[in-house]
Amino acid sequence: HSTSAPWTTIEHVRFENNVIRHTGSAINILGYDDTYPSKQLRDLVIRNNLFTDINQAVWGGAGIFVQLGDEAADVHVEHNTVMQSGNIISVYGGTAAAPRKVPGFRFTSNIVRHNSYGIFGNNIGTGNPAIAAYFPAGVIVGNVMAGGTANLYPAGNVFPTVADLMAQF
């Protein structure tokens, strides 16, 4: 690895129409790499995928659908079906007083399990507080978050029981 290419970036990536199964977690996104300095990750679309058996008890990991850290920009997670055992999203970076925000974030029209913490912001908590801290201009709408609680999230999402969701498959 070289530390002499700080112009390095990942941008304009589409991850679409895949089937991902039998893994401990699914997607891990890093906005800036502090170990090997880089430009900001920008314009990542995760769309129309099926994630199944994302399970930490069976495969290790944390069972997280999307782990997102250190200010990735313009990440769109749209129209995915996800059967995971951990958080929907775990977002981190900065501190509780000054979280590293994720500009241009969209999480729309996905089917996921809420599980214990749903959308979780490190040092912040679950749902709207995490969304306000890390995704202040984010769009989180049209999602099915089975087992979640509506008053913890923006309007425009639905929260059936996990049993009701699984009966649809």
C-alpha atoms as a PDB file:
ATOM      1  CA  HIS A   1       0.000   0.000   0.000  1.00  0.00           C
ATOM      2  CA  SER A   2       1.143   3.481  -0.759  1.00  0.00           C
ATOM      3  CA  THR A   3       0.406   6.655   1.149  1.00  0.00           C
ATOM      4  CA  SER A   4       1.463   8.831  -1.782  1.00  0.00           C
ATOM      5  CA  ALA A   5      -1.786   8.870  -3.795  1.00  0.00           C
ATOM      6  CA  PRO A   6      -4.224  11.097  -1.865  1.00  0.00           C
ATOM      7  CA  TRP A   7      -6.215  11.762  -5.084  1.00  0.00           C
ATOM      8  CA  THR A   8      -7.510   8.174  -5.049  1.00  0.00           C
ATOM      9  CA  THR A   9     -11.302   7.900  -4.939  1.00  0.00           C
ATOM     10  CA  ILE A  10     -14.241   5.612  -5.541  1.00  0.00           C
ATOM     11  CA  GLU A  11     -17.115   7.256  -7.397  1.00  0.00           C
ATOM     12  CA  HIS A  12     -19.965   6.565  -9.830  1.00  0.00           C
ATOM     13  CA  VAL A  13     -20.437   2.923  -8.795  1.00  0.00           C
ATOM     14  CA  ARG A  14     -23.631   0.931  -9.397  1.00  0.00           C
ATOM     15  CA  PHE A  15     -24.268  -2.318  -7.503  1.00  0.00           C
ATOM     16  CA  GLU A  16     -27.472  -3.597  -9.100  1.00  0.00           C
ATOM     17  CA  ASN A  17     -29.469  -6.774  -9.716  1.00  0.00           C
ATOM     18  CA  ASN A  18     -27.433  -9.135  -7.533  1.00  0.00           C
ATOM     19  CA  VAL A  19     -28.252 -11.956  -5.132  1.00  0.00           C
ATOM     20  CA  ILE A  20     -26.099 -11.922  -1.998  1.00  0.00           C
ATOM     21  CA  ARG A  21     -26.537 -14.742   0.509  1.00  0.00           C
ATOM     22  CA  HIS A  22     -24.870 -16.589   3.383  1.00  0.00           C
ATOM     23  CA  THR A  23     -22.671 -13.883   4.882  1.00  0.00           C
ATOM     24  CA  GLY A  24     -22.114 -12.269   8.291  1.00  0.00           C
ATOM     25  CA  SER A  25     -22.815  -8.702   7.063  1.00  0.00           C
ATOM     26  CA  ALA A  26     -23.576  -7.237   3.649  1.00  0.00           C
ATOM     27  CA  ILE A  27     -22.222  -3.803   2.595  1.00  0.00           C
ATOM     28  CA  ASN A  28     -19.433  -1.760   4.226  1.00  0.00           C
ATOM     29  CA  ILE A  29     -18.896   1.782   2.890  1.00  0.00           C
ATOM     30  CA  LEU A  30     -16.061   4.099   3.922  1.00  0.00           C
ATOM     31  CA  GLY A  31     -16.232   7.776   2.919  1.00  0.00           C
ATOM     32  CA  TYR A  32     -12.613   8.752   3.586  1.00  0.00           C
ATOM     33  CA  ASP A  33      -9.742   6.386   4.283  1.00  0.00           C
ATOM     34  CA  ASP A  34      -7.601   7.795   7.088  1.00  0.00           C
ATOM     35  CA  THR A  35      -5.036   4.976   6.925  1.00  0.00           C
ATOM     36  CA  TYR A  36      -4.246   5.640   3.263  1.00  0.00           C
ATOM     37  CA  PRO A  37      -5.553   9.177   2.683  1.00  0.00           C
ATOM     38  CA  SER A  38      -8.117   9.388  -0.105  1.00  0.00           C
ATOM     39  CA  LYS A  39     -10.732  11.608  -1.658  1.00  0.00           C
ATOM     40  CA  GLN A  40     -14.364  11.184  -0.587  1.00  0.00           C
ATOM     41  CA  LEU A  41     -16.369   8.205  -1.858  1.00  0.00           C
ATOM     42  CA  ARG A  42     -19.175   9.673  -3.983  1.00  0.00           C
ATOM     43  CA  ASP A  43     -22.181   8.522  -5.988  1.00  0.00           C
ATOM     44  CA  LEU A  44     -22.716   4.918  -4.941  1.00  0.00           C
ATOM     45  CA  VAL A  45     -26.036   3.283  -5.868  1.00  0.00           C
ATOM     46  CA  ILE A  46     -27.120  -0.034  -4.337  1.00  0.00           C
ATOM     47  CA  ARG A  47     -30.319  -0.954  -6.186  1.00  0.00           C
ATOM     48  CA  ASN A  48     -32.588  -3.922  -6.964  1.00  0.00           C
ATOM     49  CA  ASN A  49     -30.655  -6.533  -4.994  1.00  0.00           C
ATOM     50  CA  LEU A  50     -31.723  -9.499  -2.888  1.00  0.00           C
ATOM     51  CA  PHE A  51     -29.766 -10.011   0.341  1.00  0.00           C
ATOM     52  CA  THR A  52     -30.714 -13.175   2.195  1.00  0.00           C
ATOM     53  CA  ASP A  53     -29.250 -15.099   5.133  1.00  0.00           C
ATOM     54  CA  ILE A  54     -27.192 -12.110   6.286  1.00  0.00           C
ATOM     55  CA  ASN A  55     -26.700 -13.622   9.718  1.00  0.00           C
ATOM     56  CA  GLN A  56     -24.019 -13.059  12.336  1.00  0.00           C
ATOM     57  CA  ALA A  57     -24.956 -16.152  14.368  1.00  0.00           C
ATOM     58  CA  VAL A  58     -24.308 -18.453  11.400  1.00  0.00           C
ATOM     59  CA  TRP A  59     -21.586 -16.602   9.439  1.00  0.00           C
ATOM     60  CA  GLY A  60     -19.859 -14.295  11.955  1.00  0.00           C
ATOM     61  CA  GLY A  61     -19.780 -10.536  11.475  1.00  0.00           C
ATOM     62  CA  ALA A  62     -22.548  -8.331  12.857  1.00  0.00           C
ATOM     63  CA  GLY A  63     -25.515  -9.154  10.583  1.00  0.00           C
ATOM     64  CA  ILE A  64     -25.608  -5.531   9.360  1.00  0.00           C
ATOM     65  CA  PHE A  65     -27.129  -4.660   5.978  1.00  0.00           C
ATOM     66  CA  VAL A  66     -25.193  -1.383   5.412  1.00  0.00           C
ATOM     67  CA  GLN A  67     -22.331  -0.111   7.544  1.00  0.00           C
ATOM     68  CA  LEU A  68     -21.509   3.441   6.540  1.00  0.00           C
ATOM     69  CA  GLY A  69     -18.729   5.600   7.904  1.00  0.00           C
ATOM     70  CA  ASP A  70     -16.707   8.757   7.659  1.00  0.00           C
ATOM     71  CA  GLU A  71     -18.750  10.938   5.322  1.00  0.00           C
ATOM     72  CA  ALA A  72     -19.460   8.969   2.172  1.00  0.00           C
ATOM     73  CA  ALA A  73     -21.444  11.221  -0.178  1.00  0.00           C
ATOM     74  CA  ASP A  74     -24.466  10.605  -2.397  1.00  0.00           C
ATOM     75  CA  VAL A  75     -25.114   7.013  -1.357  1.00  0.00           C
ATOM     76  CA  HIS A  76     -28.474   5.751  -2.633  1.00  0.00           C
ATOM     77  CA  VAL A  77     -29.867   2.458  -1.312  1.00  0.00           C
ATOM     78  CA  GLU A  78     -33.027   1.756  -3.303  1.00  0.00           C
ATOM     79  CA  HIS A  79     -35.440  -1.098  -3.905  1.00  0.00           C
ATOM     80  CA  ASN A  80     -33.538  -3.891  -2.133  1.00  0.00           C
ATOM     81  CA  THR A  81     -35.014  -6.866  -0.296  1.00  0.00           C
ATOM     82  CA  VAL A  82     -32.957  -7.762   2.762  1.00  0.00           C
ATOM     83  CA  MET A  83     -33.237 -10.554   5.313  1.00  0.00           C
ATOM     84  CA  GLN A  84     -30.576  -9.641   7.872  1.00  0.00           C
ATOM     85  CA  SER A  85     -30.133 -10.398  11.570  1.00  0.00           C
ATOM     86  CA  GLY A  86     -28.454  -7.121  12.632  1.00  0.00           C
ATOM     87  CA  ASN A  87     -28.984  -3.413  12.063  1.00  0.00           C
ATOM     88  CA  ILE A  88     -30.451  -2.051   8.856  1.00  0.00           C
ATOM     89  CA  ILE A  89     -27.807   0.676   8.824  1.00  0.00           C
ATOM     90  CA  SER A  90     -24.940   1.341  11.217  1.00  0.00           C
ATOM     91  CA  VAL A  91     -23.425   4.769  10.630  1.00  0.00           C
ATOM     92  CA  TYR A  92     -20.332   6.136  12.358  1.00  0.00           C
ATOM     93  CA  GLY A  93     -17.704   8.850  12.256  1.00  0.00           C
ATOM     94  CA  GLY A  94     -16.853  11.882  14.330  1.00  0.00           C
ATOM     95  CA  THR A  95     -18.330  12.306  17.801  1.00  0.00           C
ATOM     96  CA  ALA A  96     -21.812  12.623  19.288  1.00  0.00           C
ATOM     97  CA  ALA A  97     -21.344  16.411  19.345  1.00  0.00           C
ATOM     98  CA  ALA A  98     -19.907  16.529  15.811  1.00  0.00           C
ATOM     99  CA  PRO A  99     -20.856  13.461  13.761  1.00  0.00           C
ATOM    100  CA  ARG A 100     -19.390  13.170  10.256  1.00  0.00           C
ATOM    101  CA  LYS A 101     -22.542  13.700   8.184  1.00  0.00           C
ATOM    102  CA  VAL A 102     -23.415  11.684   5.070  1.00  0.00           C
ATOM    103  CA  PRO A 103     -24.568  14.234   2.448  1.00  0.00           C
ATOM    104  CA  GLY A 104     -27.032  13.174  -0.235  1.00  0.00           C
ATOM    105  CA  PHE A 105     -28.085   9.939   1.482  1.00  0.00           C
ATOM    106  CA  ARG A 106     -31.212   8.156   0.176  1.00  0.00           C
ATOM    107  CA  PHE A 107     -32.781   5.001   1.619  1.00  0.00           C
ATOM    108  CA  THR A 108     -35.967   4.358  -0.358  1.00  0.00           C
ATOM    109  CA  SER A 109     -38.327   1.505  -1.248  1.00  0.00           C
ATOM    110  CA  ASN A 110     -36.413  -1.215   0.601  1.00  0.00           C
ATOM    111  CA  ILE A 111     -37.804  -4.231   2.457  1.00  0.00           C
ATOM    112  CA  VAL A 112     -35.763  -4.948   5.607  1.00  0.00           C
ATOM    113  CA  ARG A 113     -36.021  -6.301   9.127  1.00  0.00           C
ATOM    114  CA  HIS A 114     -35.680  -3.671  11.837  1.00  0.00           C
ATOM    115  CA  ASN A 115     -34.226  -6.069  14.437  1.00  0.00           C
ATOM    116  CA  SER A 116     -32.940  -4.497  17.679  1.00  0.00           C
ATOM    117  CA  TYR A 117     -31.574  -1.148  16.482  1.00  0.00           C
ATOM    118  CA  GLY A 118     -32.718  -0.523  12.886  1.00  0.00           C
ATOM    119  CA  ILE A 119     -30.993   2.613  11.636  1.00  0.00           C
ATOM    120  CA  PHE A 120     -28.338   3.174  14.277  1.00  0.00           C
ATOM    121  CA  GLY A 121     -25.951   6.102  14.649  1.00  0.00           C
ATOM    122  CA  ASN A 122     -22.815   5.495  16.696  1.00  0.00           C
ATOM    123  CA  ASN A 123     -22.869   7.565  19.908  1.00  0.00           C
ATOM    124  CA  ILE A 124     -26.424   8.740  18.997  1.00  0.00           C
ATOM    125  CA  GLY A 125     -28.927   5.862  19.036  1.00  0.00           C
ATOM    126  CA  THR A 126     -31.760   4.497  16.906  1.00  0.00           C
ATOM    127  CA  GLY A 127     -34.072   6.096  14.342  1.00  0.00           C
ATOM    128  CA  ASN A 128     -34.804   9.821  14.089  1.00  0.00           C
ATOM    129  CA  PRO A 129     -31.945  10.999  16.388  1.00  0.00           C
ATOM    130  CA  ALA A 130     -29.425   9.040  14.273  1.00  0.00           C
ATOM    131  CA  ILE A 131     -31.024  10.263  11.044  1.00  0.00           C
ATOM    132  CA  ALA A 132     -30.942  13.908  12.215  1.00  0.00           C
ATOM    133  CA  ALA A 133     -27.292  13.617  13.274  1.00  0.00           C
ATOM    134  CA  TYR A 134     -25.834  11.706  10.324  1.00  0.00           C
ATOM    135  CA  PHE A 135     -28.353  12.189   7.466  1.00  0.00           C
ATOM    136  CA  PRO A 136     -29.840  15.652   8.126  1.00  0.00           C
ATOM    137  CA  ALA A 137     -30.921  16.156   4.502  1.00  0.00           C
ATOM    138  CA  GLY A 138     -31.395  12.445   3.822  1.00  0.00           C
ATOM    139  CA  VAL A 139     -34.443  10.882   2.216  1.00  0.00           C
ATOM    140  CA  ILE A 140     -35.756   7.837   4.072  1.00  0.00           C
ATOM    141  CA  VAL A 141     -39.162   6.939   2.678  1.00  0.00           C
ATOM    142  CA  GLY A 142     -41.188   4.117   1.153  1.00  0.00           C
ATOM    143  CA  ASN A 143     -39.450   1.412   3.151  1.00  0.00           C
ATOM    144  CA  VAL A 144     -40.882  -1.651   4.869  1.00  0.00           C
ATOM    145  CA  MET A 145     -39.061  -1.987   8.223  1.00  0.00           C
ATOM    146  CA  ALA A 146     -40.553  -5.145   9.718  1.00  0.00           C
ATOM    147  CA  GLY A 147     -40.665  -5.137  13.489  1.00  0.00           C
ATOM    148  CA  GLY A 148     -39.804  -1.437  13.811  1.00  0.00           C
ATOM    149  CA  THR A 149     -41.705   1.336  15.553  1.00  0.00           C
ATOM    150  CA  ALA A 150     -43.218   4.054  13.358  1.00  0.00           C
ATOM    151  CA  ASN A 151     -42.684   6.949  15.770  1.00  0.00           C
ATOM    152  CA  LEU A 152     -38.901   6.373  15.663  1.00  0.00           C
ATOM    153  CA  TYR A 153     -38.691   7.082  11.909  1.00  0.00           C
ATOM    154  CA  PRO A 154     -39.760   9.646   9.299  1.00  0.00           C
ATOM    155  CA  ALA A 155     -43.311   9.437   7.976  1.00  0.00           C
ATOM    156  CA  GLY A 156     -43.832   7.481   4.791  1.00  0.00           C
ATOM    157  CA  ASN A 157     -42.398   4.136   5.903  1.00  0.00           C
ATOM    158  CA  VAL A 158     -44.378   1.073   7.040  1.00  0.00           C
ATOM    159  CA  PHE A 159     -43.766  -1.242   9.980  1.00  0.00           C
ATOM    160  CA  PRO A 160     -45.476  -4.641   9.768  1.00  0.00           C
ATOM    161  CA  THR A 161     -44.594  -7.385  12.207  1.00  0.00           C
ATOM    162  CA  VAL A 162     -41.809  -9.724  11.125  1.00  0.00           C
ATOM    163  CA  ALA A 163     -44.365 -12.556  11.016  1.00  0.00           C
ATOM    164  CA  ASP A 164     -46.582 -10.520   8.649  1.00  0.00           C
ATOM    165  CA  LEU A 165     -43.605  -9.757   6.417  1.00  0.00           C
ATOM    166  CA  MET A 166     -42.434 -13.369   6.317  1.00  0.00           C
ATOM    167  CA  ALA A 167     -45.967 -14.555   5.466  1.00  0.00           C
ATOM    168  CA  GLN A 168     -45.612 -12.622   2.192  1.00  0.00           C
ATOM    169  CA  PHE A 169     -42.695 -14.777   1.031  1.00  0.00           C
END
